[in-house]
Protein backbone atom coordinates (compact mmCIF):
# COMPACT_ATOMS: atom_id res chain seq x y z
CA MET A 1 6.12 27.94 60.08
CA LEU A 2 9.93 27.73 60.71
CA LEU A 3 9.40 26.55 64.38
CA GLN A 4 7.46 24.07 62.46
CA SER A 5 9.98 22.64 60.17
CA THR A 6 12.18 22.32 62.97
CA ALA A 7 10.05 20.69 64.79
CA SER A 8 9.53 18.24 62.43
CA ALA A 9 13.15 17.81 61.68
CA GLU A 10 13.59 17.32 65.48
CA ALA A 11 11.06 14.32 65.44
CA GLU A 12 12.68 12.53 62.49
CA SER A 13 16.10 13.21 63.88
CA GLU A 14 14.42 11.27 66.69
CA ALA A 15 12.48 8.66 64.67
CA ARG A 16 15.71 8.31 62.94
CA LEU A 17 18.01 7.47 65.75
CA ARG A 18 14.89 5.06 67.18
CA VAL A 19 15.43 2.56 64.26
CA VAL A 20 19.36 2.52 64.32
CA ARG A 21 19.42 1.89 68.44
CA TYR A 22 16.97 -0.93 67.35
CA PHE A 23 18.68 -2.47 64.41
CA SER A 24 22.07 -1.88 66.77
CA ASP A 25 20.28 -4.18 69.31
CA VAL A 26 19.54 -7.08 67.11
CA CYS A 27 21.96 -7.27 65.52
CA SER A 28 24.04 -6.36 69.09
CA GLU A 29 26.58 -9.81 69.09
CA LEU A 30 27.71 -8.62 65.68
CA VAL A 31 28.75 -5.40 66.26
CA PRO A 32 30.72 -5.02 69.47
CA ALA A 33 29.47 -2.57 72.18
CA ALA A 34 32.06 -0.31 71.42
CA VAL A 35 31.74 0.30 67.95
CA ARG A 36 27.53 0.35 67.97
CA ASP A 37 27.99 3.61 70.99
CA GLN A 38 30.84 5.12 68.58
CA HIS A 39 28.61 4.99 65.34
CA LEU A 40 25.20 6.84 67.47
CA ALA A 41 28.39 9.81 68.64
CA GLN A 42 28.97 9.85 65.46
CA VAL A 43 25.42 9.99 64.17
CA ARG A 44 24.26 12.30 67.20
CA GLU A 45 27.29 14.82 66.64
CA LEU A 46 26.42 15.53 62.72
CA GLU A 47 22.23 15.93 63.67
CA ALA A 48 24.05 18.42 66.16
CA LYS A 49 25.24 20.18 63.01
CA SER A 50 23.62 23.00 61.21
CA ASP A 51 22.58 22.23 57.46
CA ASP A 52 25.37 24.66 56.07
CA GLU A 53 28.01 22.57 58.22
CA LEU A 54 26.42 19.26 57.07
CA ALA A 55 26.80 20.71 53.11
CA ALA A 56 30.50 22.58 53.44
CA MET A 57 30.73 17.95 54.34
CA GLY A 58 29.27 16.78 51.82
CA LEU A 59 26.17 15.23 53.49
CA LEU A 60 22.70 16.60 53.62
CA ARG A 61 20.79 15.90 56.86
CA GLU A 62 19.28 12.74 55.70
CA ASP A 63 21.88 11.28 54.02
CA ILE A 64 23.60 10.96 57.81
CA VAL A 65 22.53 7.05 59.22
CA ASP A 66 24.13 5.82 55.90
CA HIS A 67 26.58 8.04 55.76
CA VAL A 68 27.88 6.78 59.42
CA PHE A 69 26.83 3.34 58.76
CA GLN A 70 27.76 2.42 54.97
CA GLU A 71 30.03 -0.40 55.94
CA ALA A 72 26.98 -2.03 57.18
CA HIS A 73 25.60 -2.09 53.85
CA TYR A 74 26.78 -5.16 52.35
CA VAL A 75 23.58 -6.28 50.27
């Protein structure tokens, strides 16, 4: 069961990254490449942390992308 949960979590993380990359590409004219790359690197760094490490930071795994791209949430 743990292996299945880990595989599921990895698939979810990869799916989130694909969505982020898609919107980053679409908005590439609005966001400099260096900023976009920095955000993607931060997402990867946070996703590499354990759930306990994220909890100590006050984050849930499913909130990583929102946290990293919070300044883009202007609507």
